[in-house]
C-alpha atoms as a PDB file:
ATOM      1  CA  MET A   1       0.000   0.000   0.000  1.00  0.00           C
ATOM      2  CA  GLU A   2       1.283   3.460  -0.889  1.00  0.00           C
ATOM      3  CA  LYS A   3       2.506   5.433   2.110  1.00  0.00           C
ATOM      4  CA  ILE A   4       0.240   8.284   3.121  1.00  0.00           C
ATOM      5  CA  SER A   5       0.832  11.397   5.154  1.00  0.00           C
ATOM      6  CA  VAL A   6      -1.346  11.440   8.262  1.00  0.00           C
ATOM      7  CA  SER A   7      -1.528  14.348  10.703  1.00  0.00           C
ATOM      8  CA  LYS A   8      -0.760  13.810  14.387  1.00  0.00           C
ATOM      9  CA  ALA A   9      -4.359  14.622  15.326  1.00  0.00           C
ATOM     10  CA  THR A  10      -5.815  12.134  12.842  1.00  0.00           C
ATOM     11  CA  LEU A  11      -3.337   9.482  13.931  1.00  0.00           C
ATOM     12  CA  GLY A  12      -4.497   9.961  17.510  1.00  0.00           C
ATOM     13  CA  ARG A  13      -8.130   9.245  16.556  1.00  0.00           C
ATOM     14  CA  ILE A  14      -7.513   6.188  14.391  1.00  0.00           C
ATOM     15  CA  PRO A  15      -7.233   3.734  17.339  1.00  0.00           C
ATOM     16  CA  THR A  16     -10.688   4.883  18.484  1.00  0.00           C
ATOM     17  CA  TYR A  17     -12.175   4.108  15.070  1.00  0.00           C
ATOM     18  CA  LEU A  18     -10.350   0.800  14.952  1.00  0.00           C
ATOM     19  CA  ASN A  19     -11.508  -0.355  18.376  1.00  0.00           C
ATOM     20  CA  TYR A  20     -15.116   0.457  17.500  1.00  0.00           C
ATOM     21  CA  LEU A  21     -15.002  -1.323  14.139  1.00  0.00           C
ATOM     22  CA  ARG A  22     -13.456  -4.419  15.671  1.00  0.00           C
ATOM     23  CA  GLU A  23     -16.496  -4.765  17.923  1.00  0.00           C
ATOM     24  CA  LEU A  24     -18.680  -5.124  14.839  1.00  0.00           C
ATOM     25  CA  SER A  25     -19.280  -8.285  12.849  1.00  0.00           C
ATOM     26  CA  PRO A  26     -18.302  -7.771   9.183  1.00  0.00           C
ATOM     27  CA  GLU A  27     -20.935 -10.369   8.281  1.00  0.00           C
ATOM     28  CA  LYS A  28     -23.716  -8.416  10.012  1.00  0.00           C
ATOM     29  CA  VAL A  29     -22.315  -4.979   9.177  1.00  0.00           C
ATOM     30  CA  PRO A  30     -20.551  -5.379   5.800  1.00  0.00           C
ATOM     31  CA  TYR A  31     -20.561  -1.618   5.166  1.00  0.00           C
ATOM     32  CA  ILE A  32     -20.461   1.334   7.527  1.00  0.00           C
ATOM     33  CA  SER A  33     -20.729   5.070   6.935  1.00  0.00           C
ATOM     34  CA  ALA A  34     -18.797   7.944   8.447  1.00  0.00           C
ATOM     35  CA  THR A  35     -22.146   9.245   9.729  1.00  0.00           C
ATOM     36  CA  THR A  36     -22.737   6.065  11.729  1.00  0.00           C
ATOM     37  CA  ILE A  37     -19.203   6.073  13.126  1.00  0.00           C
ATOM     38  CA  SER A  38     -19.454   9.704  14.178  1.00  0.00           C
ATOM     39  CA  LYS A  39     -22.776   9.131  15.963  1.00  0.00           C
ATOM     40  CA  GLU A  40     -21.597   6.006  17.764  1.00  0.00           C
ATOM     41  CA  LEU A  41     -18.379   7.662  18.921  1.00  0.00           C
ATOM     42  CA  ASN A  42     -19.915  11.091  19.568  1.00  0.00           C
ATOM     43  CA  LEU A  43     -17.503  12.778  17.168  1.00  0.00           C
ATOM     44  CA  GLY A  44     -18.024  15.414  14.506  1.00  0.00           C
ATOM     45  CA  GLU A  45     -19.125  13.892  11.214  1.00  0.00           C
ATOM     46  CA  VAL A  46     -16.998  16.237   9.126  1.00  0.00           C
ATOM     47  CA  GLN A  47     -13.913  15.321  11.148  1.00  0.00           C
ATOM     48  CA  VAL A  48     -14.583  11.590  10.817  1.00  0.00           C
ATOM     49  CA  ARG A  49     -15.050  11.933   7.057  1.00  0.00           C
ATOM     50  CA  LYS A  50     -11.764  13.812   6.730  1.00  0.00           C
ATOM     51  CA  ASP A  51      -9.885  11.259   8.834  1.00  0.00           C
ATOM     52  CA  LEU A  52     -11.224   8.266   6.925  1.00  0.00           C
ATOM     53  CA  ALA A  53     -10.661   9.982   3.590  1.00  0.00           C
ATOM     54  CA  VAL A  54      -6.948  10.217   4.346  1.00  0.00           C
ATOM     55  CA  VAL A  55      -6.753   6.486   5.023  1.00  0.00           C
ATOM     56  CA  SER A  56      -9.402   4.981   2.767  1.00  0.00           C
ATOM     57  CA  GLY A  57     -10.754   7.576   0.360  1.00  0.00           C
ATOM     58  CA  ALA A  58     -14.370   8.709   0.188  1.00  0.00           C
ATOM     59  CA  GLY A  59     -16.133   5.358   0.506  1.00  0.00           C
ATOM     60  CA  ARG A  60     -18.931   4.096  -1.739  1.00  0.00           C
ATOM     61  CA  PRO A  61     -22.014   6.243  -2.394  1.00  0.00           C
ATOM     62  CA  ARG A  62     -24.982   5.189  -0.201  1.00  0.00           C
ATOM     63  CA  LEU A  63     -22.963   2.329   1.255  1.00  0.00           C
ATOM     64  CA  GLY A  64     -19.974   3.874   2.974  1.00  0.00           C
ATOM     65  CA  TYR A  65     -16.880   1.835   3.695  1.00  0.00           C
ATOM     66  CA  GLU A  66     -16.487  -1.915   3.489  1.00  0.00           C
ATOM     67  CA  THR A  67     -16.005  -2.733   7.182  1.00  0.00           C
ATOM     68  CA  GLU A  68     -13.401  -5.462   6.833  1.00  0.00           C
ATOM     69  CA  VAL A  69     -11.330  -3.477   4.341  1.00  0.00           C
ATOM     70  CA  LEU A  70     -11.501  -0.325   6.458  1.00  0.00           C
ATOM     71  CA  ILE A  71     -10.218  -2.240   9.483  1.00  0.00           C
ATOM     72  CA  GLU A  72      -7.254  -3.508   7.447  1.00  0.00           C
ATOM     73  CA  GLN A  73      -6.499  -0.020   6.137  1.00  0.00           C
ATOM     74  CA  LEU A  74      -6.608   1.508   9.614  1.00  0.00           C
ATOM     75  CA  GLU A  75      -4.311  -1.213  10.936  1.00  0.00           C
ATOM     76  CA  ASP A  76      -1.929  -0.645   8.058  1.00  0.00           C
ATOM     77  CA  CYS A  77      -1.915   3.098   8.744  1.00  0.00           C
ATOM     78  CA  LEU A  78      -0.950   2.471  12.381  1.00  0.00           C
ATOM     79  CA  GLY A  79       1.802   0.112  11.285  1.00  0.00           C
ATOM     80  CA  ARG A  80       0.538  -2.874  13.250  1.00  0.00           C
ATOM     81  CA  ASN A  81       1.238  -5.204  10.347  1.00  0.00           C
ATOM     82  CA  LYS A  82       4.886  -4.140  10.195  1.00  0.00           C
ATOM     83  CA  MET A  83       6.384  -3.492  13.620  1.00  0.00           C
ATOM     84  CA  THR A  84       9.219  -0.983  14.005  1.00  0.00           C
ATOM     85  CA  TYR A  85      11.663  -1.743  16.811  1.00  0.00           C
ATOM     86  CA  ALA A  86      13.001   0.802  19.286  1.00  0.00           C
ATOM     87  CA  VAL A  87      15.350   1.021  22.253  1.00  0.00           C
ATOM     88  CA  LEU A  88      15.324   3.428  25.181  1.00  0.00           C
ATOM     89  CA  VAL A  89      18.338   4.889  26.962  1.00  0.00           C
ATOM     90  CA  GLY A  90      17.910   6.204  30.490  1.00  0.00           C
ATOM     91  CA  THR A  91      15.759   4.283  32.962  1.00  0.00           C
ATOM     92  CA  GLY A  92      14.952   6.984  35.483  1.00  0.00           C
ATOM     93  CA  ARG A  93      11.347   7.815  36.354  1.00  0.00           C
ATOM     94  CA  LEU A  94      10.440   9.069  32.887  1.00  0.00           C
ATOM     95  CA  GLY A  95      12.182   6.201  31.141  1.00  0.00           C
ATOM     96  CA  ARG A  96      10.450   3.609  33.305  1.00  0.00           C
ATOM     97  CA  ALA A  97       7.083   5.275  32.758  1.00  0.00           C
ATOM     98  CA  LEU A  98       7.559   4.961  28.995  1.00  0.00           C
ATOM     99  CA  LEU A  99       8.588   1.320  29.385  1.00  0.00           C
ATOM    100  CA  GLN A 100       5.374   0.568  31.274  1.00  0.00           C
ATOM    101  CA  TYR A 101       3.169   2.189  28.641  1.00  0.00           C
ATOM    102  CA  ASP A 102       1.330  -0.378  26.519  1.00  0.00           C
ATOM    103  CA  GLY A 103       0.118   1.963  23.772  1.00  0.00           C
ATOM    104  CA  PHE A 104       3.197   2.148  21.541  1.00  0.00           C
ATOM    105  CA  GLU A 105       2.504  -1.186  19.865  1.00  0.00           C
ATOM    106  CA  HIS A 106      -0.902   0.136  18.780  1.00  0.00           C
ATOM    107  CA  PHE A 107       1.085   2.503  16.567  1.00  0.00           C
ATOM    108  CA  GLY A 108       3.473  -0.124  15.236  1.00  0.00           C
ATOM    109  CA  VAL A 109       6.399   0.532  17.602  1.00  0.00           C
ATOM    110  CA  LYS A 110       7.842  -1.969  20.074  1.00  0.00           C
ATOM    111  CA  ILE A 111      10.494  -1.051  22.653  1.00  0.00           C
ATOM    112  CA  THR A 112      12.634  -4.179  22.651  1.00  0.00           C
ATOM    113  CA  ALA A 113      15.112  -3.192  25.365  1.00  0.00           C
ATOM    114  CA  ALA A 114      16.272  -0.362  27.596  1.00  0.00           C
ATOM    115  CA  PHE A 115      19.827   0.662  28.442  1.00  0.00           C
ATOM    116  CA  ASP A 116      21.440   2.426  31.375  1.00  0.00           C
ATOM    117  CA  CYS A 117      24.974   3.111  32.601  1.00  0.00           C
ATOM    118  CA  ASN A 118      23.911   2.625  36.235  1.00  0.00           C
ATOM    119  CA  GLU A 119      24.681  -0.984  37.134  1.00  0.00           C
ATOM    120  CA  GLN A 120      22.175  -0.873  40.003  1.00  0.00           C
ATOM    121  CA  VAL A 121      19.205  -0.731  37.612  1.00  0.00           C
ATOM    122  CA  ILE A 122      20.413  -3.472  35.263  1.00  0.00           C
ATOM    123  CA  ASN A 123      18.024  -6.431  35.116  1.00  0.00           C
ATOM    124  CA  LEU A 124      15.729  -5.075  37.826  1.00  0.00           C
ATOM    125  CA  ASP A 125      12.111  -6.212  37.757  1.00  0.00           C
ATOM    126  CA  SER A 126      10.848  -4.575  34.579  1.00  0.00           C
ATOM    127  CA  LYS A 127       8.524  -5.484  31.741  1.00  0.00           C
ATOM    128  CA  THR A 128      11.331  -4.686  29.307  1.00  0.00           C
ATOM    129  CA  GLU A 129      14.872  -5.963  29.786  1.00  0.00           C
ATOM    130  CA  ILE A 130      17.366  -3.349  31.002  1.00  0.00           C
ATOM    131  CA  LEU A 131      20.894  -3.835  29.684  1.00  0.00           C
ATOM    132  CA  PRO A 132      24.268  -2.116  30.237  1.00  0.00           C
ATOM    133  CA  MET A 133      25.427   0.463  27.712  1.00  0.00           C
ATOM    134  CA  ASN A 134      28.413  -1.660  26.676  1.00  0.00           C
ATOM    135  CA  GLN A 135      25.931  -3.925  24.873  1.00  0.00           C
ATOM    136  CA  PHE A 136      24.157  -1.092  23.066  1.00  0.00           C
ATOM    137  CA  ASP A 137      25.949  -1.130  19.702  1.00  0.00           C
ATOM    138  CA  SER A 138      25.821  -4.880  19.232  1.00  0.00           C
ATOM    139  CA  PHE A 139      22.168  -5.105  20.314  1.00  0.00           C
ATOM    140  CA  CYS A 140      21.022  -2.386  17.911  1.00  0.00           C
ATOM    141  CA  LYS A 141      22.854  -3.890  14.953  1.00  0.00           C
ATOM    142  CA  GLU A 142      21.783  -7.452  15.726  1.00  0.00           C
ATOM    143  CA  HIS A 143      18.094  -6.554  16.175  1.00  0.00           C
ATOM    144  CA  LYS A 144      18.006  -3.924  13.414  1.00  0.00           C
ATOM    145  CA  ILE A 145      16.755  -1.140  15.671  1.00  0.00           C
ATOM    146  CA  ASN A 146      15.318   1.861  13.824  1.00  0.00           C
ATOM    147  CA  ILE A 147      14.207   4.187  16.641  1.00  0.00           C
ATOM    148  CA  GLY A 148      16.101   5.426  19.694  1.00  0.00           C
ATOM    149  CA  ILE A 149      14.393   7.070  22.674  1.00  0.00           C
ATOM    150  CA  ILE A 150      16.503   9.374  24.846  1.00  0.00           C
ATOM    151  CA  THR A 151      15.411   9.922  28.464  1.00  0.00           C
ATOM    152  CA  VAL A 152      18.775  10.785  29.994  1.00  0.00           C
ATOM    153  CA  GLY A 153      19.799  14.148  31.422  1.00  0.00           C
ATOM    154  CA  GLU A 154      20.937  17.118  29.382  1.00  0.00           C
ATOM    155  CA  GLY A 155      24.610  16.491  30.138  1.00  0.00           C
ATOM    156  CA  SER A 156      24.808  13.103  28.438  1.00  0.00           C
ATOM    157  CA  ALA A 157      22.065  13.429  25.814  1.00  0.00           C
ATOM    158  CA  GLN A 158      24.338  14.356  22.887  1.00  0.00           C
ATOM    159  CA  GLN A 159      26.728  11.514  23.691  1.00  0.00           C
ATOM    160  CA  VAL A 160      23.828   9.041  23.716  1.00  0.00           C
ATOM    161  CA  CYS A 161      22.509  10.558  20.497  1.00  0.00           C
ATOM    162  CA  ASP A 162      25.904  10.132  18.791  1.00  0.00           C
ATOM    163  CA  GLN A 163      26.053   6.512  19.909  1.00  0.00           C
ATOM    164  CA  MET A 164      22.586   5.876  18.500  1.00  0.00           C
ATOM    165  CA  VAL A 165      23.586   7.308  15.136  1.00  0.00           C
ATOM    166  CA  LYS A 166      26.795   5.249  15.157  1.00  0.00           C
ATOM    167  CA  SER A 167      24.724   2.114  15.845  1.00  0.00           C
ATOM    168  CA  GLY A 168      22.589   2.639  12.741  1.00  0.00           C
ATOM    169  CA  ILE A 169      19.512   4.208  14.335  1.00  0.00           C
ATOM    170  CA  THR A 170      17.789   6.539  11.870  1.00  0.00           C
ATOM    171  CA  ALA A 171      15.061   8.133  14.028  1.00  0.00           C
ATOM    172  CA  ILE A 172      15.444   9.618  17.535  1.00  0.00           C
ATOM    173  CA  TRP A 173      12.774  10.655  20.031  1.00  0.00           C
ATOM    174  CA  ASN A 174      14.453  13.040  22.468  1.00  0.00           C
ATOM    175  CA  PHE A 175      13.077  13.904  25.913  1.00  0.00           C
ATOM    176  CA  ALA A 176      16.236  15.634  27.146  1.00  0.00           C
ATOM    177  CA  PRO A 177      15.772  19.419  27.547  1.00  0.00           C
ATOM    178  CA  CYS A 178      18.461  20.370  25.045  1.00  0.00           C
ATOM    179  CA  LYS A 179      19.123  20.759  21.348  1.00  0.00           C
ATOM    180  CA  LEU A 180      20.729  17.735  19.741  1.00  0.00           C
ATOM    181  CA  HIS A 181      22.800  17.633  16.560  1.00  0.00           C
ATOM    182  CA  VAL A 182      22.197  14.792  14.123  1.00  0.00           C
ATOM    183  CA  PRO A 183      23.160  14.096  10.489  1.00  0.00           C
ATOM    184  CA  GLY A 184      20.675  15.116   7.823  1.00  0.00           C
ATOM    185  CA  SER A 185      19.786  11.472   7.233  1.00  0.00           C
ATOM    186  CA  VAL A 186      18.522  11.027  10.824  1.00  0.00           C
ATOM    187  CA  LEU A 187      15.028  12.058  11.924  1.00  0.00           C
ATOM    188  CA  LEU A 188      14.840  13.917  15.247  1.00  0.00           C
ATOM    189  CA  GLN A 189      11.692  14.529  17.293  1.00  0.00           C
ATOM    190  CA  ASN A 190      12.139  16.695  20.396  1.00  0.00           C
ATOM    191  CA  GLU A 191       9.613  16.340  23.205  1.00  0.00           C
ATOM    192  CA  ASN A 192       9.718  19.222  25.696  1.00  0.00           C
ATOM    193  CA  LEU A 193       7.290  18.274  28.481  1.00  0.00           C
ATOM    194  CA  ALA A 194       7.646  21.560  30.338  1.00  0.00           C
ATOM    195  CA  LEU A 195       6.938  23.554  27.185  1.00  0.00           C
ATOM    196  CA  SER A 196       3.895  21.411  26.379  1.00  0.00           C
ATOM    197  CA  LEU A 197       2.527  21.953  29.884  1.00  0.00           C
ATOM    198  CA  ALA A 198       3.131  25.701  29.647  1.00  0.00           C
ATOM    199  CA  HIS A 199       1.327  25.761  26.302  1.00  0.00           C
ATOM    200  CA  LEU A 200      -1.638  23.934  27.829  1.00  0.00           C
ATOM    201  CA  ARG A 201      -1.733  26.352  30.768  1.00  0.00           C
ATOM    202  CA  ASN A 202      -1.780  29.333  28.409  1.00  0.00           C
ATOM    203  CA  ARG A 203      -4.636  27.787  26.414  1.00  0.00           C
ATOM    204  CA  LEU A 204      -6.514  27.177  29.653  1.00  0.00           C
ATOM    205  CA  SER A 205      -6.042  30.786  30.733  1.00  0.00           C
ATOM    206  CA  HIS A 206      -7.285  31.985  27.359  1.00  0.00           C
ATOM    207  CA  ALA A 207     -10.323  29.682  27.543  1.00  0.00           C
ATOM    208  CA  GLN A 208     -11.185  30.982  31.017  1.00  0.00           C
ATOM    209  CA  GLU A 209     -11.042  34.546  29.732  1.00  0.00           C
ATOM    210  CA  THR A 210     -13.255  33.627  26.741  1.00  0.00           C
ATOM    211  CA  PRO A 211     -15.500  30.842  28.146  1.00  0.00           C
ATOM    212  CA  ASN A 212     -17.533  30.482  24.950  1.00  0.00           C
ATOM    213  CA  GLU A 213     -14.496  29.247  23.051  1.00  0.00           C
ATOM    214  CA  LYS A 214     -13.506  25.591  22.997  1.00  0.00           C
ATOM    215  CA  ILE A 215     -10.010  24.708  24.245  1.00  0.00           C
END
């Protein structure tokens, strides 16, 4: 299937559509419309139509979407049929919270292992195996890791980033509060939690000043 560009907002709603459709029987409900989906999920019909159009086109006139096909297309969009493997470096509170989160696999990403330079956290009771950093390069190359997640402090973030690039990782999700430098061939996504919270607070303040507006 040809790769499509899906917005972050649409991507966030696709699991909701998918979970609803999976509760249906394709034999009893062979076709379903965006109108029906929007009513059942209490979402705006226009928004649902736009989301589904990105993934599956406009549907058939008077029939809507073929339920079984739509499920497959939504799964394909989330990447569930082709898992991408990731590793995480830094198993402090934030790192462990990410390791405990079950939702990544819904979007086609599986964290296969975590790494830390602190020997006291190696192989502690964890859902995901925690390994020492001296095994990082060999693990990434052996398991063909594509994504690296950085949850270390600012002081060591660039060093970890460089090691990820050296190990063949081509996409990095950075939670360290600093600017990282990567080659042009490497994708970098910075996640500033403090900035996101500040942005939410400012939106809340604005909404309280203009209560008729939606946040």
